[in-house]
Amino acid sequence: MEHIWKVYNLNRTISDGVVIDVTYGCESSYEGTSTRTIGDFTMVGTPSEPGFIPYEDLTEDEVLVWVSNNVDEPAIETANSASIAFMISASAAVTTEEGTPSSWGN
């Protein structure tokens, strides 16, 4: 199972560049089956705080540390894994199909 964490969006105040909301995702896949969980959380801070990084200087890796500190990553990865396992199991249980032969040209 592969889990890739991404930052989809940052909402910030224009006047000081403080990030106030982070939208993130965990994209999970296993042998061609995939799912993702998207969420967001609110940030609180000021430019005068120690360690403040100006918006234009932020890297995705730095923001992913914020995600890790604010989100229960193991729970999301477990839920995504369970979802994929269910999809694989459901797909394996299919025994019928609908349609017409492709040679009919429909």
PDB file of N, CA and C in Angstrom:
ATOM      1  N   MET A   1       0.854  -1.173   0.000  1.00  0.00           N
ATOM      2  CA  MET A   1       0.000   0.000   0.000  1.00  0.00           C
ATOM      3  C   MET A   1       0.900   1.236   0.000  1.00  0.00           C
ATOM      4  N   GLU A   2       0.594   2.153  -0.885  1.00  0.00           N
ATOM      5  CA  GLU A   2       1.356   3.401  -0.947  1.00  0.00           C
ATOM      6  C   GLU A   2       0.438   4.563  -0.558  1.00  0.00           C
ATOM      7  N   HIS A   3       0.935   5.416   0.331  1.00  0.00           N
ATOM      8  CA  HIS A   3       0.186   6.602   0.763  1.00  0.00           C
ATOM      9  C   HIS A   3       1.040   7.830   0.452  1.00  0.00           C
ATOM     10  N   ILE A   4       0.492   8.725  -0.335  1.00  0.00           N
ATOM     11  CA  ILE A   4       1.202   9.951  -0.677  1.00  0.00           C
ATOM     12  C   ILE A   4       0.404  11.131  -0.135  1.00  0.00           C
ATOM     13  N   TRP A   5       1.057  11.926   0.697  1.00  0.00           N
ATOM     14  CA  TRP A   5       0.430  13.109   1.281  1.00  0.00           C
ATOM     15  C   TRP A   5       0.772  14.323   0.427  1.00  0.00           C
ATOM     16  N   LYS A   6      -0.263  15.144   0.168  1.00  0.00           N
ATOM     17  CA  LYS A   6      -0.088  16.330  -0.666  1.00  0.00           C
ATOM     18  C   LYS A   6      -0.785  17.529  -0.031  1.00  0.00           C
ATOM     19  N   VAL A   7      -0.296  18.700  -0.400  1.00  0.00           N
ATOM     20  CA  VAL A   7      -0.956  19.948  -0.022  1.00  0.00           C
ATOM     21  C   VAL A   7      -1.663  20.449  -1.270  1.00  0.00           C
ATOM     22  N   TYR A   8      -2.982  20.613  -1.175  1.00  0.00           N
ATOM     23  CA  TYR A   8      -3.772  21.052  -2.324  1.00  0.00           C
ATOM     24  C   TYR A   8      -3.956  22.566  -2.374  1.00  0.00           C
ATOM     25  N   ASN A   9      -4.027  23.200  -1.206  1.00  0.00           N
ATOM     26  CA  ASN A   9      -4.285  24.637  -1.208  1.00  0.00           C
ATOM     27  C   ASN A   9      -3.900  25.249   0.132  1.00  0.00           C
ATOM     28  N   LEU A  10      -3.467  26.498   0.070  1.00  0.00           N
ATOM     29  CA  LEU A  10      -3.207  27.295   1.268  1.00  0.00           C
ATOM     30  C   LEU A  10      -4.024  28.572   1.159  1.00  0.00           C
ATOM     31  N   ASN A  11      -4.755  28.888   2.208  1.00  0.00           N
ATOM     32  CA  ASN A  11      -5.499  30.147   2.282  1.00  0.00           C
ATOM     33  C   ASN A  11      -4.721  31.043   3.235  1.00  0.00           C
ATOM     34  N   ARG A  12      -4.458  32.276   2.837  1.00  0.00           N
ATOM     35  CA  ARG A  12      -3.637  33.171   3.651  1.00  0.00           C
ATOM     36  C   ARG A  12      -4.236  34.561   3.679  1.00  0.00           C
ATOM     37  N   THR A  13      -3.819  35.325   4.682  1.00  0.00           N
ATOM     38  CA  THR A  13      -4.207  36.734   4.722  1.00  0.00           C
ATOM     39  C   THR A  13      -3.271  37.494   3.787  1.00  0.00           C
ATOM     40  N   ILE A  14      -3.826  38.409   3.037  1.00  0.00           N
ATOM     41  CA  ILE A  14      -3.048  39.158   2.045  1.00  0.00           C
ATOM     42  C   ILE A  14      -2.054  40.095   2.718  1.00  0.00           C
ATOM     43  N   SER A  15      -2.469  40.735   3.798  1.00  0.00           N
ATOM     44  CA  SER A  15      -1.641  41.775   4.407  1.00  0.00           C
ATOM     45  C   SER A  15      -0.315  41.269   4.964  1.00  0.00           C
ATOM     46  N   ASP A  16      -0.306  40.071   5.551  1.00  0.00           N
ATOM     47  CA  ASP A  16       0.940  39.604   6.169  1.00  0.00           C
ATOM     48  C   ASP A  16       1.384  38.213   5.706  1.00  0.00           C
ATOM     49  N   GLY A  17       0.605  37.580   4.832  1.00  0.00           N
ATOM     50  CA  GLY A  17       0.988  36.278   4.297  1.00  0.00           C
ATOM     51  C   GLY A  17       0.866  35.125   5.273  1.00  0.00           C
ATOM     52  N   VAL A  18       0.132  35.306   6.358  1.00  0.00           N
ATOM     53  CA  VAL A  18      -0.041  34.235   7.335  1.00  0.00           C
ATOM     54  C   VAL A  18      -1.032  33.211   6.781  1.00  0.00           C
ATOM     55  N   VAL A  19      -0.610  31.961   6.735  1.00  0.00           N
ATOM     56  CA  VAL A  19      -1.486  30.886   6.280  1.00  0.00           C
ATOM     57  C   VAL A  19      -2.528  30.634   7.362  1.00  0.00           C
ATOM     58  N   ILE A  20      -3.807  30.663   6.958  1.00  0.00           N
ATOM     59  CA  ILE A  20      -4.886  30.484   7.937  1.00  0.00           C
ATOM     60  C   ILE A  20      -5.670  29.190   7.722  1.00  0.00           C
ATOM     61  N   ASP A  21      -5.476  28.544   6.567  1.00  0.00           N
ATOM     62  CA  ASP A  21      -6.175  27.296   6.302  1.00  0.00           C
ATOM     63  C   ASP A  21      -5.337  26.453   5.345  1.00  0.00           C
ATOM     64  N   VAL A  22      -5.256  25.165   5.638  1.00  0.00           N
ATOM     65  CA  VAL A  22      -4.506  24.224   4.805  1.00  0.00           C
ATOM     66  C   VAL A  22      -5.458  23.133   4.319  1.00  0.00           C
ATOM     67  N   THR A  23      -5.494  22.910   2.998  1.00  0.00           N
ATOM     68  CA  THR A  23      -6.244  21.803   2.431  1.00  0.00           C
ATOM     69  C   THR A  23      -5.220  20.761   1.978  1.00  0.00           C
ATOM     70  N   TYR A  24      -5.400  19.536   2.465  1.00  0.00           N
ATOM     71  CA  TYR A  24      -4.432  18.472   2.225  1.00  0.00           C
ATOM     72  C   TYR A  24      -5.155  17.236   1.701  1.00  0.00           C
ATOM     73  N   GLY A  25      -4.371  16.295   1.221  1.00  0.00           N
ATOM     74  CA  GLY A  25      -4.938  15.027   0.788  1.00  0.00           C
ATOM     75  C   GLY A  25      -3.975  13.894   1.034  1.00  0.00           C
ATOM     76  N   CYS A  26      -4.540  12.729   1.254  1.00  0.00           N
ATOM     77  CA  CYS A  26      -3.773  11.498   1.334  1.00  0.00           C
ATOM     78  C   CYS A  26      -4.268  10.620   0.192  1.00  0.00           C
ATOM     79  N   GLU A  27      -3.393  10.411  -0.801  1.00  0.00           N
ATOM     80  CA  GLU A  27      -3.722   9.591  -1.956  1.00  0.00           C
ATOM     81  C   GLU A  27      -3.098   8.217  -1.743  1.00  0.00           C
ATOM     82  N   SER A  28      -3.932   7.203  -1.714  1.00  0.00           N
ATOM     83  CA  SER A  28      -3.480   5.846  -1.418  1.00  0.00           C
ATOM     84  C   SER A  28      -3.764   4.941  -2.604  1.00  0.00           C
ATOM     85  N   SER A  29      -2.840   3.995  -2.855  1.00  0.00           N
ATOM     86  CA  SER A  29      -3.048   3.069  -3.963  1.00  0.00           C
ATOM     87  C   SER A  29      -2.404   1.722  -3.654  1.00  0.00           C
ATOM     88  N   TYR A  30      -2.980   0.701  -4.290  1.00  0.00           N
ATOM     89  CA  TYR A  30      -2.454  -0.653  -4.171  1.00  0.00           C
ATOM     90  C   TYR A  30      -2.837  -1.424  -5.418  1.00  0.00           C
ATOM     91  N   GLU A  31      -1.853  -1.842  -6.175  1.00  0.00           N
ATOM     92  CA  GLU A  31      -2.052  -2.669  -7.361  1.00  0.00           C
ATOM     93  C   GLU A  31      -3.183  -2.160  -8.268  1.00  0.00           C
ATOM     94  N   GLY A  32      -3.150  -0.881  -8.603  1.00  0.00           N
ATOM     95  CA  GLY A  32      -4.111  -0.312  -9.538  1.00  0.00           C
ATOM     96  C   GLY A  32      -5.419   0.167  -8.951  1.00  0.00           C
ATOM     97  N   THR A  33      -5.631  -0.051  -7.672  1.00  0.00           N
ATOM     98  CA  THR A  33      -6.835   0.447  -7.008  1.00  0.00           C
ATOM     99  C   THR A  33      -6.412   1.617  -6.124  1.00  0.00           C
ATOM    100  N   SER A  34      -7.192   2.692  -6.164  1.00  0.00           N
ATOM    101  CA  SER A  34      -6.794   3.871  -5.391  1.00  0.00           C
ATOM    102  C   SER A  34      -7.983   4.580  -4.774  1.00  0.00           C
ATOM    103  N   THR A  35      -7.669   5.391  -3.795  1.00  0.00           N
ATOM    104  CA  THR A  35      -8.651   6.248  -3.138  1.00  0.00           C
ATOM    105  C   THR A  35      -7.902   7.428  -2.553  1.00  0.00           C
ATOM    106  N   ARG A  36      -8.635   8.423  -2.105  1.00  0.00           N
ATOM    107  CA  ARG A  36      -7.993   9.549  -1.428  1.00  0.00           C
ATOM    108  C   ARG A  36      -8.939  10.147  -0.409  1.00  0.00           C
ATOM    109  N   THR A  37      -8.325  10.754   0.568  1.00  0.00           N
ATOM    110  CA  THR A  37      -9.049  11.505   1.587  1.00  0.00           C
ATOM    111  C   THR A  37      -8.552  12.940   1.512  1.00  0.00           C
ATOM    112  N   ILE A  38      -9.485  13.870   1.470  1.00  0.00           N
ATOM    113  CA  ILE A  38      -9.148  15.289   1.438  1.00  0.00           C
ATOM    114  C   ILE A  38      -9.715  15.926   2.686  1.00  0.00           C
ATOM    115  N   GLY A  39      -8.950  16.810   3.292  1.00  0.00           N
ATOM    116  CA  GLY A  39      -9.412  17.521   4.484  1.00  0.00           C
ATOM    117  C   GLY A  39      -8.758  18.874   4.585  1.00  0.00           C
ATOM    118  N   ASP A  40      -9.130  19.593   5.598  1.00  0.00           N
ATOM    119  CA  ASP A  40      -8.481  20.875   5.853  1.00  0.00           C
ATOM    120  C   ASP A  40      -8.499  21.173   7.336  1.00  0.00           C
ATOM    121  N   PHE A  41      -7.655  22.089   7.735  1.00  0.00           N
ATOM    122  CA  PHE A  41      -7.619  22.533   9.119  1.00  0.00           C
ATOM    123  C   PHE A  41      -7.195  23.994   9.146  1.00  0.00           C
ATOM    124  N   THR A  42      -7.543  24.651  10.235  1.00  0.00           N
ATOM    125  CA  THR A  42      -7.264  26.068  10.423  1.00  0.00           C
ATOM    126  C   THR A  42      -5.935  26.247  11.134  1.00  0.00           C
ATOM    127  N   MET A  43      -5.187  27.231  10.696  1.00  0.00           N
ATOM    128  CA  MET A  43      -3.913  27.582  11.321  1.00  0.00           C
ATOM    129  C   MET A  43      -4.084  28.907  12.064  1.00  0.00           C
ATOM    130  N   VAL A  44      -3.323  29.066  13.123  1.00  0.00           N
ATOM    131  CA  VAL A  44      -3.314  30.316  13.876  1.00  0.00           C
ATOM    132  C   VAL A  44      -1.870  30.727  14.061  1.00  0.00           C
ATOM    133  N   GLY A  45      -1.562  31.975  13.766  1.00  0.00           N
ATOM    134  CA  GLY A  45      -0.194  32.434  13.943  1.00  0.00           C
ATOM    135  C   GLY A  45      -0.042  33.882  13.535  1.00  0.00           C
ATOM    136  N   THR A  46       1.148  34.404  13.786  1.00  0.00           N
ATOM    137  CA  THR A  46       1.484  35.778  13.412  1.00  0.00           C
ATOM    138  C   THR A  46       2.909  35.795  12.860  1.00  0.00           C
ATOM    139  N   PRO A  47       3.237  36.817  12.060  1.00  0.00           N
ATOM    140  CA  PRO A  47       4.590  36.909  11.517  1.00  0.00           C
ATOM    141  C   PRO A  47       5.669  37.107  12.582  1.00  0.00           C
ATOM    142  N   SER A  48       5.273  37.528  13.784  1.00  0.00           N
ATOM    143  CA  SER A  48       6.267  37.781  14.834  1.00  0.00           C
ATOM    144  C   SER A  48       6.644  36.523  15.618  1.00  0.00           C
ATOM    145  N   GLU A  49       5.979  35.411  15.345  1.00  0.00           N
ATOM    146  CA  GLU A  49       6.287  34.175  16.074  1.00  0.00           C
ATOM    147  C   GLU A  49       7.622  33.595  15.628  1.00  0.00           C
ATOM    148  N   PRO A  50       8.341  32.969  16.570  1.00  0.00           N
ATOM    149  CA  PRO A  50       9.606  32.326  16.196  1.00  0.00           C
ATOM    150  C   PRO A  50       9.354  31.233  15.157  1.00  0.00           C
ATOM    151  N   GLY A  51      10.212  31.162  14.166  1.00  0.00           N
ATOM    152  CA  GLY A  51      10.080  30.138  13.147  1.00  0.00           C
ATOM    153  C   GLY A  51       9.127  30.489  12.021  1.00  0.00           C
ATOM    154  N   PHE A  52       8.551  31.700  12.058  1.00  0.00           N
ATOM    155  CA  PHE A  52       7.624  32.099  10.996  1.00  0.00           C
ATOM    156  C   PHE A  52       8.350  32.056   9.654  1.00  0.00           C
ATOM    157  N   ILE A  53       7.679  31.460   8.670  1.00  0.00           N
ATOM    158  CA  ILE A  53       8.237  31.382   7.317  1.00  0.00           C
ATOM    159  C   ILE A  53       7.324  32.190   6.402  1.00  0.00           C
ATOM    160  N   PRO A  54       7.872  33.191   5.714  1.00  0.00           N
ATOM    161  CA  PRO A  54       7.034  33.963   4.788  1.00  0.00           C
ATOM    162  C   PRO A  54       6.382  33.042   3.757  1.00  0.00           C
ATOM    163  N   TYR A  55       5.161  33.377   3.378  1.00  0.00           N
ATOM    164  CA  TYR A  55       4.369  32.553   2.456  1.00  0.00           C
ATOM    165  C   TYR A  55       5.171  32.155   1.215  1.00  0.00           C
ATOM    166  N   GLU A  56       5.812  33.095   0.575  1.00  0.00           N
ATOM    167  CA  GLU A  56       6.542  32.817  -0.667  1.00  0.00           C
ATOM    168  C   GLU A  56       7.733  31.890  -0.452  1.00  0.00           C
ATOM    169  N   ASP A  57       8.182  31.734   0.796  1.00  0.00           N
ATOM    170  CA  ASP A  57       9.332  30.875   1.091  1.00  0.00           C
ATOM    171  C   ASP A  57       8.939  29.477   1.561  1.00  0.00           C
ATOM    172  N   LEU A  58       7.646  29.241   1.743  1.00  0.00           N
ATOM    173  CA  LEU A  58       7.196  27.924   2.209  1.00  0.00           C
ATOM    174  C   LEU A  58       7.487  26.847   1.172  1.00  0.00           C
ATOM    175  N   THR A  59       7.833  25.661   1.664  1.00  0.00           N
ATOM    176  CA  THR A  59       7.961  24.496   0.788  1.00  0.00           C
ATOM    177  C   THR A  59       6.838  23.526   1.141  1.00  0.00           C
ATOM    178  N   GLU A  60       6.526  22.633   0.212  1.00  0.00           N
ATOM    179  CA  GLU A  60       5.491  21.644   0.490  1.00  0.00           C
ATOM    180  C   GLU A  60       5.899  20.764   1.675  1.00  0.00           C
ATOM    181  N   ASP A  61       7.175  20.433   1.767  1.00  0.00           N
ATOM    182  CA  ASP A  61       7.639  19.605   2.890  1.00  0.00           C
ATOM    183  C   ASP A  61       7.383  20.278   4.233  1.00  0.00           C
ATOM    184  N   GLU A  62       7.590  21.596   4.299  1.00  0.00           N
ATOM    185  CA  GLU A  62       7.328  22.315   5.554  1.00  0.00           C
ATOM    186  C   GLU A  62       5.845  22.287   5.900  1.00  0.00           C
ATOM    187  N   VAL A  63       4.995  22.467   4.904  1.00  0.00           N
ATOM    188  CA  VAL A  63       3.553  22.460   5.158  1.00  0.00           C
ATOM    189  C   VAL A  63       3.090  21.042   5.507  1.00  0.00           C
ATOM    190  N   LEU A  64       3.710  20.028   4.917  1.00  0.00           N
ATOM    191  CA  LEU A  64       3.357  18.652   5.271  1.00  0.00           C
ATOM    192  C   LEU A  64       3.700  18.343   6.725  1.00  0.00           C
ATOM    193  N   VAL A  65       4.689  19.018   7.290  1.00  0.00           N
ATOM    194  CA  VAL A  65       4.961  18.875   8.726  1.00  0.00           C
ATOM    195  C   VAL A  65       3.783  19.433   9.512  1.00  0.00           C
ATOM    196  N   TRP A  66       3.211  20.552   9.073  1.00  0.00           N
ATOM    197  CA  TRP A  66       2.017  21.103   9.731  1.00  0.00           C
ATOM    198  C   TRP A  66       0.884  20.092   9.653  1.00  0.00           C
ATOM    199  N   VAL A  67       0.717  19.472   8.473  1.00  0.00           N
ATOM    200  CA  VAL A  67      -0.336  18.468   8.307  1.00  0.00           C
ATOM    201  C   VAL A  67      -0.116  17.346   9.318  1.00  0.00           C
ATOM    202  N   SER A  68       1.099  16.852   9.388  1.00  0.00           N
ATOM    203  CA  SER A  68       1.425  15.757  10.305  1.00  0.00           C
ATOM    204  C   SER A  68       1.140  16.130  11.760  1.00  0.00           C
ATOM    205  N   ASN A  69       1.363  17.386  12.093  1.00  0.00           N
ATOM    206  CA  ASN A  69       1.132  17.852  13.468  1.00  0.00           C
ATOM    207  C   ASN A  69      -0.340  18.108  13.787  1.00  0.00           C
ATOM    208  N   ASN A  70      -1.183  18.203  12.758  1.00  0.00           N
ATOM    209  CA  ASN A  70      -2.583  18.571  12.973  1.00  0.00           C
ATOM    210  C   ASN A  70      -3.592  17.497  12.575  1.00  0.00           C
ATOM    211  N   VAL A  71      -3.121  16.410  11.982  1.00  0.00           N
ATOM    212  CA  VAL A  71      -4.013  15.392  11.431  1.00  0.00           C
ATOM    213  C   VAL A  71      -3.563  14.029  11.939  1.00  0.00           C
ATOM    214  N   ASP A  72      -4.512  13.150  12.159  1.00  0.00           N
ATOM    215  CA  ASP A  72      -4.193  11.785  12.565  1.00  0.00           C
ATOM    216  C   ASP A  72      -3.875  10.976  11.300  1.00  0.00           C
ATOM    217  N   GLU A  73      -2.634  11.101  10.820  1.00  0.00           N
ATOM    218  CA  GLU A  73      -2.237  10.445   9.578  1.00  0.00           C
ATOM    219  C   GLU A  73      -2.428   8.928   9.611  1.00  0.00           C
ATOM    220  N   PRO A  74      -2.019   8.243  10.691  1.00  0.00           N
ATOM    221  CA  PRO A  74      -2.215   6.788  10.702  1.00  0.00           C
ATOM    222  C   PRO A  74      -3.690   6.385  10.550  1.00  0.00           C
ATOM    223  N   ALA A  75      -4.595   7.125  11.164  1.00  0.00           N
ATOM    224  CA  ALA A  75      -6.024   6.799  11.056  1.00  0.00           C
ATOM    225  C   ALA A  75      -6.513   6.985   9.623  1.00  0.00           C
ATOM    226  N   ILE A  76      -6.061   8.033   8.952  1.00  0.00           N
ATOM    227  CA  ILE A  76      -6.473   8.273   7.567  1.00  0.00           C
ATOM    228  C   ILE A  76      -5.895   7.201   6.653  1.00  0.00           C
ATOM    229  N   GLU A  77      -4.628   6.856   6.855  1.00  0.00           N
ATOM    230  CA  GLU A  77      -4.013   5.804   6.038  1.00  0.00           C
ATOM    231  C   GLU A  77      -4.711   4.463   6.255  1.00  0.00           C
ATOM    232  N   THR A  78      -5.078   4.173   7.498  1.00  0.00           N
ATOM    233  CA  THR A  78      -5.799   2.933   7.796  1.00  0.00           C
ATOM    234  C   THR A  78      -7.163   2.924   7.122  1.00  0.00           C
ATOM    235  N   ALA A  79      -7.876   4.042   7.174  1.00  0.00           N
ATOM    236  CA  ALA A  79      -9.191   4.139   6.530  1.00  0.00           C
ATOM    237  C   ALA A  79      -9.066   3.991   5.015  1.00  0.00           C
ATOM    238  N   ASN A  80      -8.057   4.622   4.429  1.00  0.00           N
ATOM    239  CA  ASN A  80      -7.857   4.483   2.986  1.00  0.00           C
ATOM    240  C   ASN A  80      -7.522   3.038   2.617  1.00  0.00           C
ATOM    241  N   SER A  81      -6.684   2.404   3.431  1.00  0.00           N
ATOM    242  CA  SER A  81      -6.328   0.999   3.178  1.00  0.00           C
ATOM    243  C   SER A  81      -7.563   0.108   3.247  1.00  0.00           C
ATOM    244  N   ALA A  82      -8.410   0.347   4.226  1.00  0.00           N
ATOM    245  CA  ALA A  82      -9.639  -0.438   4.367  1.00  0.00           C
ATOM    246  C   ALA A  82     -10.564  -0.210   3.174  1.00  0.00           C
ATOM    247  N   SER A  83     -10.633   1.017   2.703  1.00  0.00           N
ATOM    248  CA  SER A  83     -11.464   1.329   1.547  1.00  0.00           C
ATOM    249  C   SER A  83     -10.967   0.591   0.304  1.00  0.00           C
ATOM    250  N   ILE A  84      -9.666   0.589   0.110  1.00  0.00           N
ATOM    251  CA  ILE A  84      -9.089  -0.112  -1.035  1.00  0.00           C
ATOM    252  C   ILE A  84      -9.327  -1.613  -0.909  1.00  0.00           C
ATOM    253  N   ALA A  85      -9.140  -2.159   0.280  1.00  0.00           N
ATOM    254  CA  ALA A  85      -9.377  -3.593   0.499  1.00  0.00           C
ATOM    255  C   ALA A  85     -10.826  -3.945   0.179  1.00  0.00           C
ATOM    256  N   PHE A  86     -11.756  -3.091   0.573  1.00  0.00           N
ATOM    257  CA  PHE A  86     -13.167  -3.320   0.278  1.00  0.00           C
ATOM    258  C   PHE A  86     -13.420  -3.294  -1.231  1.00  0.00           C
ATOM    259  N   MET A  87     -12.840  -2.301  -1.923  1.00  0.00           N
ATOM    260  CA  MET A  87     -13.030  -2.204  -3.378  1.00  0.00           C
ATOM    261  C   MET A  87     -12.476  -3.438  -4.086  1.00  0.00           C
ATOM    262  N   ILE A  88     -11.310  -3.912  -3.653  1.00  0.00           N
ATOM    263  CA  ILE A  88     -10.713  -5.105  -4.264  1.00  0.00           C
ATOM    264  C   ILE A  88     -11.590  -6.318  -4.006  1.00  0.00           C
ATOM    265  N   SER A  89     -12.076  -6.458  -2.788  1.00  0.00           N
ATOM    266  CA  SER A  89     -12.941  -7.577  -2.433  1.00  0.00           C
ATOM    267  C   SER A  89     -14.249  -7.528  -3.221  1.00  0.00           C
ATOM    268  N   ALA A  90     -14.849  -6.353  -3.334  1.00  0.00           N
ATOM    269  CA  ALA A  90     -16.113  -6.208  -4.068  1.00  0.00           C
ATOM    270  C   ALA A  90     -15.909  -6.521  -5.543  1.00  0.00           C
ATOM    271  N   SER A  91     -14.797  -6.083  -6.091  1.00  0.00           N
ATOM    272  CA  SER A  91     -14.510  -6.344  -7.499  1.00  0.00           C
ATOM    273  C   SER A  91     -14.327  -7.838  -7.754  1.00  0.00           C
ATOM    274  N   ALA A  92     -13.671  -8.526  -6.827  1.00  0.00           N
ATOM    275  CA  ALA A  92     -13.449  -9.964  -6.968  1.00  0.00           C
ATOM    276  C   ALA A  92     -14.754 -10.751  -6.864  1.00  0.00           C
ATOM    277  N   ALA A  93     -15.754 -10.187  -6.211  1.00  0.00           N
ATOM    278  CA  ALA A  93     -17.022 -10.886  -6.002  1.00  0.00           C
ATOM    279  C   ALA A  93     -17.984 -10.743  -7.181  1.00  0.00           C
ATOM    280  N   VAL A  94     -17.665  -9.893  -8.146  1.00  0.00           N
ATOM    281  CA  VAL A  94     -18.541  -9.686  -9.303  1.00  0.00           C
ATOM    282  C   VAL A  94     -18.511 -10.934 -10.184  1.00  0.00           C
ATOM    283  N   THR A  95     -19.684 -11.460 -10.502  1.00  0.00           N
ATOM    284  CA  THR A  95     -19.769 -12.678 -11.318  1.00  0.00           C
ATOM    285  C   THR A  95     -20.573 -12.492 -12.595  1.00  0.00           C
ATOM    286  N   THR A  96     -21.158 -11.305 -12.808  1.00  0.00           N
ATOM    287  CA  THR A  96     -21.943 -11.066 -14.020  1.00  0.00           C
ATOM    288  C   THR A  96     -21.542  -9.722 -14.621  1.00  0.00           C
ATOM    289  N   GLU A  97     -21.876  -9.553 -15.919  1.00  0.00           N
ATOM    290  CA  GLU A  97     -21.615  -8.311 -16.632  1.00  0.00           C
ATOM    291  C   GLU A  97     -22.771  -8.012 -17.555  1.00  0.00           C
ATOM    292  N   GLU A  98     -22.950  -6.743 -17.869  1.00  0.00           N
ATOM    293  CA  GLU A  98     -23.975  -6.325 -18.819  1.00  0.00           C
ATOM    294  C   GLU A  98     -23.319  -5.793 -20.073  1.00  0.00           C
ATOM    295  N   GLY A  99     -24.082  -5.722 -21.159  1.00  0.00           N
ATOM    296  CA  GLY A  99     -23.585  -5.104 -22.370  1.00  0.00           C
ATOM    297  C   GLY A  99     -23.871  -5.930 -23.592  1.00  0.00           C
ATOM    298  N   THR A 100     -23.286  -5.511 -24.716  1.00  0.00           N
ATOM    299  CA  THR A 100     -23.386  -6.251 -25.964  1.00  0.00           C
ATOM    300  C   THR A 100     -21.968  -6.440 -26.499  1.00  0.00           C
ATOM    301  N   PRO A 101     -21.777  -7.409 -27.347  1.00  0.00           N
ATOM    302  CA  PRO A 101     -20.437  -7.640 -27.890  1.00  0.00           C
ATOM    303  C   PRO A 101     -19.902  -6.399 -28.599  1.00  0.00           C
ATOM    304  N   SER A 102     -18.618  -6.143 -28.424  1.00  0.00           N
ATOM    305  CA  SER A 102     -18.020  -4.962 -29.051  1.00  0.00           C
ATOM    306  C   SER A 102     -18.071  -5.044 -30.561  1.00  0.00           C
ATOM    307  N   SER A 103     -18.168  -6.233 -31.125  1.00  0.00           N
ATOM    308  CA  SER A 103     -18.233  -6.391 -32.576  1.00  0.00           C
ATOM    309  C   SER A 103     -19.534  -5.858 -33.165  1.00  0.00           C
ATOM    310  N   TRP A 104     -20.514  -5.574 -32.325  1.00  0.00           N
ATOM    311  CA  TRP A 104     -21.786  -5.043 -32.816  1.00  0.00           C
ATOM    312  C   TRP A 104     -21.673  -3.591 -33.237  1.00  0.00           C
ATOM    313  N   GLY A 105     -20.599  -2.910 -32.806  1.00  0.00           N
ATOM    314  CA  GLY A 105     -20.386  -1.519 -33.220  1.00  0.00           C
ATOM    315  C   GLY A 105     -21.284  -0.494 -32.550  1.00  0.00           C
ATOM    316  N   ASN A 106     -21.822  -0.800 -31.406  1.00  0.00           N
ATOM    317  CA  ASN A 106     -22.706   0.156 -30.704  1.00  0.00           C
ATOM    318  C   ASN A 106     -21.938   1.282 -30.137  1.00  0.00           C
TER     319      ASN A 106
END
